[in-house]
Amino acid sequence: MKSKIIEITGVGEILLERSRRAKHINLSVRPFKGVRVAVPYGVSFARAEEVAQSKAGWLKRHMDRMVLVEKKATELKKNNCINRREARKSIIKRLNELSEKHGFNYNKVFVKNQKTRWGSCSEKNNINLNVNLLLLPDELIDYTILHELVHTRIKDHSKRFWDELNKYVSCAKELDHKLKNHKFLFLSSTQ
């Protein structure tokens, strides 16, 4: 058996799922996905259920938090319906402004509804940007664009990369952390 769904009072349904990658029983709570318990091969579902039951309080607290995250993501998406054509124009305009201002060159740009990334830069200096950038504060839009523009020069996340990025934005690591706090915006688009 590869998976099994159990019910824990006060928490709800929990997916127990075999995982070749798991070395230990691993519990996770994800917005719009619920609770998943990764069960390594060699460990019984009964043992995984015992562990999940013993962590019911922890799971309940995290489920309550996830409900708030789901609500926030849904509201934000609902109240900020994005016109893809207009979003594309706006994002590319800002990309061109920042690239010209700071002397960056890129090859092509693609604006997509990505599920896991705000942006990326390929080896050929093609830049991909997420259409949902427009839901972010301006400082995070600029940070994301500049992050990818710096990748046209430095392809990794070395100290050299962060030093270079700090020339264009103040406190790049802090902005990166703020950006990670907006990942919930990806989640509502996968419902």
Protein backbone atom coordinates (compact mmCIF):
# COMPACT_ATOMS: atom_id res chain seq x y z
CA MET A 1 0.00 0.00 0.00
CA LYS A 2 1.44 3.37 -1.06
CA SER A 3 -0.88 5.65 0.91
CA LYS A 4 -3.63 5.70 3.47
CA ILE A 5 -5.94 8.41 4.80
CA ILE A 6 -6.66 8.52 8.51
CA GLU A 7 -8.76 10.84 10.66
CA ILE A 8 -7.48 12.53 13.81
CA THR A 9 -10.02 14.22 16.07
CA GLY A 10 -9.58 17.99 16.06
CA VAL A 11 -7.23 17.85 13.07
CA GLY A 12 -9.18 16.10 10.32
CA GLU A 13 -7.94 13.96 7.45
CA ILE A 14 -4.28 13.09 7.25
CA LEU A 15 -2.50 11.48 4.32
CA LEU A 16 0.03 8.80 5.23
CA GLU A 17 2.24 8.30 2.19
CA ARG A 18 5.21 6.05 1.48
CA SER A 19 8.35 7.93 0.56
CA ARG A 20 11.65 6.62 -0.75
CA ARG A 21 13.29 9.91 0.21
CA ALA A 22 12.16 9.93 3.85
CA LYS A 23 14.63 8.56 6.37
CA HIS A 24 12.31 9.27 9.31
CA ILE A 25 8.58 9.80 9.74
CA ASN A 26 8.05 13.39 8.62
CA LEU A 27 4.90 15.46 9.24
CA SER A 28 4.09 18.50 7.11
CA VAL A 29 1.17 20.90 6.97
CA ARG A 30 0.67 22.75 3.69
CA PRO A 31 -1.97 25.28 2.69
CA PHE A 32 -4.59 23.91 0.30
CA LYS A 33 -3.04 20.44 0.70
CA GLY A 34 -3.50 19.62 4.39
CA VAL A 35 -1.45 17.25 6.51
CA ARG A 36 0.91 14.71 4.98
CA VAL A 37 2.99 12.16 6.83
CA ALA A 38 5.94 10.86 4.83
CA VAL A 39 6.47 7.23 5.83
CA PRO A 40 9.83 5.63 5.05
CA TYR A 41 9.88 2.11 3.67
CA GLY A 42 10.37 -0.30 6.55
CA VAL A 43 8.11 1.71 8.87
CA SER A 44 4.50 0.57 9.28
CA PHE A 45 1.50 2.81 8.69
CA ALA A 46 0.41 1.89 12.24
CA ARG A 47 3.65 3.40 13.61
CA ALA A 48 3.21 6.52 11.45
CA GLU A 49 -0.35 6.89 12.74
CA GLU A 50 0.91 6.65 16.35
CA VAL A 51 3.40 9.44 15.66
CA ALA A 52 0.72 11.59 14.01
CA GLN A 53 -1.63 11.01 16.97
CA SER A 54 1.11 11.98 19.42
CA LYS A 55 1.62 15.25 17.48
CA ALA A 56 -2.10 16.12 17.32
CA GLY A 57 -1.63 19.36 19.29
CA TRP A 58 1.18 20.52 17.01
CA LEU A 59 -0.83 19.57 13.92
CA LYS A 60 -3.91 21.44 15.19
CA ARG A 61 -1.92 24.64 15.81
CA HIS A 62 -0.37 24.47 12.34
CA MET A 63 -3.71 23.64 10.69
CA ASP A 64 -5.26 26.71 12.32
CA ARG A 65 -2.40 28.83 10.97
CA MET A 66 -2.75 27.30 7.50
CA VAL A 67 -6.46 28.15 7.43
CA LEU A 68 -5.52 31.81 7.94
CA VAL A 69 -2.85 31.60 5.21
CA GLU A 70 -5.35 29.99 2.82
CA LYS A 71 -7.92 32.69 3.58
CA LYS A 72 -5.38 35.48 3.08
CA ALA A 73 -4.17 34.02 -0.23
CA THR A 74 -7.70 33.49 -1.53
CA GLU A 75 -8.80 37.01 -0.57
CA LEU A 76 -5.74 38.62 -2.11
CA LYS A 77 -6.15 36.71 -5.37
CA LYS A 78 -9.89 37.42 -5.47
CA ASN A 79 -9.47 41.14 -4.79
CA ASN A 80 -6.57 41.53 -7.20
CA CYS A 81 -7.66 39.86 -10.38
CA ILE A 82 -4.69 40.10 -12.72
CA ASN A 83 -5.08 40.99 -16.37
CA ARG A 84 -2.20 38.98 -17.84
CA ARG A 85 -1.69 41.23 -20.85
CA GLU A 86 -1.51 44.37 -18.69
CA ALA A 87 0.65 42.60 -16.10
CA ARG A 88 3.09 41.50 -18.79
CA LYS A 89 3.39 45.07 -20.13
CA SER A 90 3.88 46.51 -16.66
CA ILE A 91 6.49 43.93 -15.58
CA ILE A 92 8.48 44.20 -18.83
CA LYS A 93 8.37 48.01 -18.63
CA ARG A 94 9.85 47.89 -15.12
CA LEU A 95 12.44 45.27 -16.17
CA ASN A 96 13.57 47.54 -19.01
CA GLU A 97 13.71 50.61 -16.74
CA LEU A 98 15.87 48.84 -14.16
CA SER A 99 18.07 47.14 -16.74
CA GLU A 100 18.74 50.43 -18.53
CA LYS A 101 19.28 52.36 -15.29
CA HIS A 102 21.88 49.88 -14.01
CA GLY A 103 23.47 48.79 -17.31
CA PHE A 104 22.21 45.20 -17.45
CA ASN A 105 21.58 43.22 -20.61
CA TYR A 106 19.32 40.23 -20.97
CA ASN A 107 18.30 38.11 -23.93
CA LYS A 108 14.54 37.39 -23.78
CA VAL A 109 11.87 37.85 -21.14
CA PHE A 110 8.93 35.56 -20.37
CA VAL A 111 6.11 36.47 -17.98
CA LYS A 112 4.25 33.37 -16.78
CA ASN A 113 1.99 32.17 -14.00
CA GLN A 114 4.69 30.13 -12.29
CA LYS A 115 3.73 27.93 -9.35
CA THR A 116 6.95 27.96 -7.33
CA ARG A 117 9.18 30.87 -8.39
CA TRP A 118 9.03 34.62 -8.60
CA GLY A 119 11.69 34.63 -11.28
CA SER A 120 14.64 32.88 -12.85
CA CYS A 121 17.49 33.55 -15.24
CA SER A 122 18.77 30.94 -17.68
CA GLU A 123 22.35 30.32 -18.83
CA LYS A 124 21.45 32.26 -22.01
CA ASN A 125 20.28 35.24 -19.90
CA ASN A 126 16.61 34.65 -20.64
CA ILE A 127 14.61 36.02 -17.73
CA ASN A 128 11.37 34.45 -16.50
CA LEU A 129 9.16 36.53 -14.21
CA ASN A 130 5.97 35.56 -12.43
CA VAL A 131 2.80 37.41 -13.42
CA ASN A 132 1.85 37.46 -9.71
CA LEU A 133 4.70 39.88 -9.01
CA LEU A 134 2.07 42.59 -9.37
CA LEU A 135 0.49 41.41 -6.11
CA LEU A 136 3.70 42.32 -4.25
CA PRO A 137 4.82 45.66 -2.82
CA ASP A 138 6.91 47.72 -5.27
CA GLU A 139 10.15 47.16 -3.33
CA LEU A 140 9.75 43.38 -3.73
CA ILE A 141 8.92 43.66 -7.43
CA ASP A 142 12.11 45.67 -7.97
CA TYR A 143 14.10 43.32 -5.75
CA THR A 144 12.95 40.27 -7.77
CA ILE A 145 13.73 41.90 -11.10
CA LEU A 146 17.16 43.10 -9.93
CA HIS A 147 17.89 39.67 -8.45
CA GLU A 148 17.37 38.12 -11.89
CA LEU A 149 19.31 40.88 -13.65
CA VAL A 150 22.30 40.27 -11.37
CA HIS A 151 22.07 36.60 -12.40
CA THR A 152 22.85 37.71 -15.96
CA ARG A 153 26.35 38.43 -14.59
CA ILE A 154 26.68 35.94 -11.72
CA LYS A 155 24.90 32.62 -12.14
CA ASP A 156 25.02 31.41 -8.54
CA HIS A 157 24.09 32.63 -5.06
CA SER A 158 27.65 33.08 -3.85
CA LYS A 159 28.81 35.89 -1.56
CA ARG A 160 29.90 37.69 -4.71
CA PHE A 161 26.31 37.53 -6.02
CA TRP A 162 24.83 38.99 -2.81
CA ASP A 163 27.52 41.70 -2.68
CA GLU A 164 26.68 42.66 -6.28
CA LEU A 165 22.93 42.66 -5.59
CA ASN A 166 23.45 44.89 -2.54
CA LYS A 167 24.83 47.54 -4.90
CA TYR A 168 21.35 47.90 -6.41
CA VAL A 169 19.07 47.23 -3.43
CA SER A 170 19.69 47.84 0.23
CA CYS A 171 19.62 44.79 2.47
CA ALA A 172 19.13 42.17 -0.26
CA LYS A 173 18.99 39.22 2.18
CA GLU A 174 16.29 40.99 4.20
CA LEU A 175 14.24 41.59 1.04
CA ASP A 176 14.76 37.96 0.05
CA HIS A 177 13.31 36.92 3.41
CA LYS A 178 10.32 39.27 2.94
CA LEU A 179 9.74 37.79 -0.50
CA LYS A 180 9.67 34.27 0.96
CA ASN A 181 6.86 35.42 3.26
CA HIS A 182 4.71 35.97 0.16
CA LYS A 183 5.02 32.39 -1.14
CA PHE A 184 1.44 31.78 -0.05
CA LEU A 185 0.42 33.60 -3.25
CA PHE A 186 1.58 30.56 -5.24
CA LEU A 187 -0.64 28.26 -3.24
CA SER A 188 -4.01 29.73 -4.10
CA SER A 189 -3.30 29.39 -7.81
CA THR A 190 -2.90 25.60 -7.50
CA GLN A 191 -6.35 24.91 -6.04
